[in-house]
Amino acid sequence: MKFNKVAAICKNRKRIYIYNDPDSGAQWLGDGSGIYLLEGMPRLTSTDEALRLFDVPESKRDDYYCKYEDLPDGIDFTDGPGVNGDGVESKTATIGWLGESFRLFEDGNELYAINEAYLAPFAGDASYIKYHRRDMKGGGFLLGVNVGLGLQAVICPHFLHRQEIFTEGILEIAEAFLFMQRNFPTPSGAENEPVDDLEQQKLGE
């Protein structure tokens, strides 16, 4: 996991949450929407120390919302639930919305979106990552991220499905692509040929 990417999330959102696990002594860092296990670095003793570590000028520190406390109740931070990575599949498609990019995850009949910025700390670790759904006590769920056998992060989904203007736009796009597929199909015999976009245009004439 790349610590500088976690720091970038906190700085972008202007939120620093430092959580201590009273049982294991581990520390977690995030912005409240994504929480990441800290490993291989000195223990943070305060949010002021994190602000200095992130090179936030003193004149701008009042712009940040900071917490330093024990892990929140209602979320299981143990490794066990994510060891097998059952039930959650990362889709190949991504969606852009209001200048941000989201990766889609399928869990049975449910489809939810995760801001790709929260997955950036794991760039390059794809072959070791297992994603899973991690339910919260009292309702709600998170995306759990295991690297190997160990839990490394829990991330809140972004509720794009609650944005009516977004869902209506997605339906319009899907209908337009289906129209194009029906009316401008791939020319016969060209399905498996490696051609560029210009050649595809000529084949479709």
Protein backbone atom coordinates (compact mmCIF):
# COMPACT_ATOMS: atom_id res chain seq x y z
CA MET A 1 0.00 0.00 0.00
CA LYS A 2 1.26 3.46 -0.91
CA PHE A 3 1.15 5.84 2.06
CA ASN A 4 1.49 8.94 -0.13
CA LYS A 5 -1.79 8.04 -1.85
CA VAL A 6 -3.55 7.81 1.52
CA ALA A 7 -2.07 11.18 2.46
CA ALA A 8 -3.35 12.60 -0.84
CA ILE A 9 -6.88 11.44 -0.01
CA CYS A 10 -6.75 13.14 3.39
CA LYS A 11 -5.33 16.36 1.95
CA ASN A 12 -7.83 16.46 -0.90
CA ARG A 13 -10.80 16.01 1.47
CA LYS A 14 -9.18 18.10 4.23
CA ARG A 15 -10.02 15.39 6.73
CA ILE A 16 -7.61 13.38 8.86
CA TYR A 17 -8.94 10.52 10.95
CA ILE A 18 -6.43 8.55 13.01
CA TYR A 19 -7.84 5.45 14.68
CA ASN A 20 -6.12 3.32 17.31
CA ASP A 21 -6.95 -0.34 17.83
CA PRO A 22 -6.84 -0.83 21.62
CA ASP A 23 -6.64 -4.61 21.22
CA SER A 24 -3.83 -5.01 18.67
CA GLY A 25 -2.15 -1.62 18.97
CA ALA A 26 -2.47 -1.09 15.22
CA GLN A 27 -3.22 2.34 13.76
CA TRP A 28 -5.51 3.24 10.89
CA LEU A 29 -5.56 6.46 8.87
CA GLY A 30 -8.10 7.94 6.48
CA ASP A 31 -10.64 10.64 5.78
CA GLY A 32 -13.70 8.90 7.23
CA SER A 33 -14.82 7.44 3.88
CA GLY A 34 -11.71 5.30 3.48
CA ILE A 35 -9.69 3.91 6.40
CA TYR A 36 -6.27 2.31 5.82
CA LEU A 37 -4.01 0.21 8.01
CA LEU A 38 -0.72 1.91 8.80
CA GLU A 39 2.28 -0.39 8.65
CA GLY A 40 6.02 0.15 8.54
CA MET A 41 6.04 3.72 9.83
CA PRO A 42 6.35 5.48 13.21
CA ARG A 43 3.23 5.66 15.32
CA LEU A 44 1.25 8.89 15.03
CA THR A 45 0.57 10.45 18.43
CA SER A 46 -1.73 13.27 17.33
CA THR A 47 -3.45 14.82 14.34
CA ASP A 48 -0.98 17.73 14.57
CA GLU A 49 1.79 15.25 13.90
CA ALA A 50 -0.08 14.02 10.82
CA LEU A 51 -0.55 17.58 9.57
CA ARG A 52 3.20 18.15 9.86
CA LEU A 53 3.90 14.83 8.15
CA PHE A 54 1.62 15.86 5.27
CA ASP A 55 3.43 19.22 4.98
CA VAL A 56 0.26 21.21 5.61
CA PRO A 57 1.26 24.82 6.32
CA GLU A 58 0.25 26.13 9.74
CA SER A 59 -1.84 28.84 8.09
CA LYS A 60 -4.04 26.16 6.49
CA ARG A 61 -4.38 23.67 9.33
CA ASP A 62 -7.60 25.21 10.58
CA ASP A 63 -9.17 24.16 7.27
CA TYR A 64 -8.83 20.50 8.26
CA TYR A 65 -11.27 18.43 10.27
CA CYS A 66 -9.25 16.00 12.41
CA LYS A 67 -10.00 13.09 14.74
CA TYR A 68 -7.76 10.99 16.95
CA GLU A 69 -9.63 8.17 18.71
CA ASP A 70 -10.20 4.44 19.00
CA LEU A 71 -11.63 2.43 16.12
CA PRO A 72 -15.33 3.11 15.51
CA ASP A 73 -17.87 0.68 16.91
CA GLY A 74 -19.94 -1.34 14.49
CA ILE A 75 -17.16 -2.15 12.00
CA ASP A 76 -15.24 -5.41 12.09
CA PHE A 77 -11.54 -4.68 11.54
CA THR A 78 -10.36 -8.29 11.90
CA ASP A 79 -8.81 -10.14 8.97
CA GLY A 80 -11.18 -13.12 8.88
CA PRO A 81 -14.19 -11.90 6.86
CA GLY A 82 -12.07 -11.02 3.82
CA VAL A 83 -9.72 -14.00 3.58
CA ASN A 84 -11.69 -15.70 0.81
CA GLY A 85 -12.91 -12.52 -0.89
CA ASP A 86 -16.27 -14.17 -1.57
CA GLY A 87 -19.18 -12.51 -3.29
CA VAL A 88 -17.77 -9.24 -4.64
CA GLU A 89 -16.55 -8.92 -8.22
CA SER A 90 -14.73 -5.91 -9.63
CA LYS A 91 -16.20 -5.01 -13.02
CA THR A 92 -14.04 -3.94 -15.94
CA ALA A 93 -16.12 -0.82 -16.62
CA THR A 94 -15.52 2.46 -14.84
CA ILE A 95 -17.80 5.49 -14.70
CA GLY A 96 -16.93 9.17 -14.69
CA TRP A 97 -19.18 11.57 -12.80
CA LEU A 98 -18.63 15.22 -11.89
CA GLY A 99 -14.91 15.01 -12.58
CA GLU A 100 -14.31 11.80 -10.59
CA SER A 101 -13.90 8.21 -11.69
CA PHE A 102 -15.64 5.25 -10.07
CA ARG A 103 -14.97 1.53 -10.29
CA LEU A 104 -17.99 -0.74 -10.18
CA PHE A 105 -18.34 -3.74 -7.88
CA GLU A 106 -21.02 -6.39 -8.22
CA ASP A 107 -22.42 -8.23 -5.20
CA GLY A 108 -25.17 -10.57 -6.33
CA ASN A 109 -27.94 -8.37 -7.74
CA GLU A 110 -26.40 -5.24 -6.26
CA LEU A 111 -24.00 -2.92 -8.04
CA TYR A 112 -22.16 -0.17 -6.23
CA ALA A 113 -19.49 2.37 -7.03
CA ILE A 114 -16.18 3.07 -5.33
CA ASN A 115 -14.28 6.27 -6.03
CA GLU A 116 -11.04 5.18 -7.71
CA ALA A 117 -9.07 7.65 -5.58
CA TYR A 118 -9.72 5.33 -2.61
CA LEU A 119 -8.28 2.36 -4.52
CA ALA A 120 -5.15 4.26 -5.64
CA PRO A 121 -3.13 3.25 -2.53
CA PHE A 122 -3.22 -0.33 -3.85
CA ALA A 123 -2.02 0.37 -7.39
CA GLY A 124 0.38 -2.39 -8.40
CA ASP A 125 -0.95 -4.90 -5.87
CA ALA A 126 -3.81 -6.22 -8.04
CA SER A 127 -2.66 -9.84 -8.04
CA TYR A 128 -2.73 -9.99 -4.23
CA ILE A 129 -5.97 -8.07 -3.57
CA LYS A 130 -9.26 -9.62 -2.50
CA TYR A 131 -12.39 -7.51 -2.29
CA HIS A 132 -15.32 -8.37 -0.08
CA ARG A 133 -18.46 -6.91 1.43
CA ARG A 134 -18.13 -6.01 5.10
CA ASP A 135 -21.46 -5.40 6.82
CA MET A 136 -21.79 -2.83 9.59
CA LYS A 137 -23.74 -3.35 12.77
CA GLY A 138 -27.02 -1.50 12.57
CA GLY A 139 -27.08 -1.54 8.76
CA GLY A 140 -24.92 -0.40 5.91
CA PHE A 141 -21.83 -1.97 4.42
CA LEU A 142 -18.30 -1.22 3.32
CA LEU A 143 -15.91 -2.56 0.72
CA GLY A 144 -13.21 -4.51 2.50
CA VAL A 145 -9.78 -4.71 0.85
CA ASN A 146 -7.48 -7.56 1.77
CA VAL A 147 -3.93 -7.78 0.50
CA GLY A 148 -3.15 -11.44 0.90
CA LEU A 149 -4.72 -12.60 4.14
CA GLY A 150 -4.67 -9.27 5.96
CA LEU A 151 -7.30 -6.53 5.94
CA GLN A 152 -5.73 -3.31 4.66
CA ALA A 153 -8.68 -0.96 4.19
CA VAL A 154 -12.41 -0.44 4.49
CA ILE A 155 -14.03 1.96 2.01
CA CYS A 156 -17.52 3.45 1.87
CA PRO A 157 -19.37 3.07 -1.43
CA HIS A 158 -20.48 6.20 -3.26
CA PHE A 159 -24.25 6.15 -3.65
CA LEU A 160 -24.47 7.09 -7.31
CA HIS A 161 -27.70 5.12 -7.59
CA ARG A 162 -29.39 7.74 -5.43
CA GLN A 163 -28.57 10.50 -7.93
CA GLU A 164 -31.59 10.56 -10.24
CA ILE A 165 -29.89 12.76 -12.82
CA PHE A 166 -27.04 10.22 -12.96
CA THR A 167 -29.24 7.12 -13.35
CA GLU A 168 -31.34 8.82 -16.02
CA GLY A 169 -28.16 9.78 -17.88
CA ILE A 170 -26.84 6.21 -17.71
CA LEU A 171 -30.11 4.89 -19.19
CA GLU A 172 -29.92 7.40 -22.04
CA ILE A 173 -26.33 6.40 -22.80
CA ALA A 174 -27.16 2.67 -22.74
CA GLU A 175 -30.14 3.17 -25.04
CA ALA A 176 -28.01 5.23 -27.46
CA PHE A 177 -25.31 2.54 -27.58
CA LEU A 178 -27.93 -0.17 -28.17
CA PHE A 179 -29.33 1.92 -31.03
CA MET A 180 -25.83 2.21 -32.53
CA GLN A 181 -25.26 -1.52 -32.09
CA ARG A 182 -28.49 -2.37 -33.91
CA ASN A 183 -28.05 0.14 -36.72
CA PHE A 184 -24.27 0.12 -37.17
CA PRO A 185 -23.19 -3.48 -36.48
CA THR A 186 -19.68 -4.78 -37.02
CA PRO A 187 -19.28 -5.70 -40.70
CA SER A 188 -19.38 -9.43 -41.39
CA GLY A 189 -15.94 -11.01 -41.26
CA ALA A 190 -14.35 -8.11 -39.38
CA GLU A 191 -15.19 -9.25 -35.84
CA ASN A 192 -11.76 -10.69 -35.05
CA GLU A 193 -9.55 -8.49 -37.21
CA PRO A 194 -7.24 -6.01 -35.41
CA VAL A 195 -8.22 -2.72 -37.08
CA ASP A 196 -7.90 0.83 -35.83
CA ASP A 197 -10.74 3.34 -35.47
CA LEU A 198 -10.21 4.88 -38.91
CA GLU A 199 -10.36 1.48 -40.58
CA GLN A 200 -13.51 0.66 -38.62
CA GLN A 201 -15.09 3.82 -40.03
CA LYS A 202 -14.27 2.71 -43.57
CA LEU A 203 -15.65 -0.80 -42.95
CA GLY A 204 -18.89 0.71 -41.67
CA GLU A 205 -19.50 2.84 -44.76
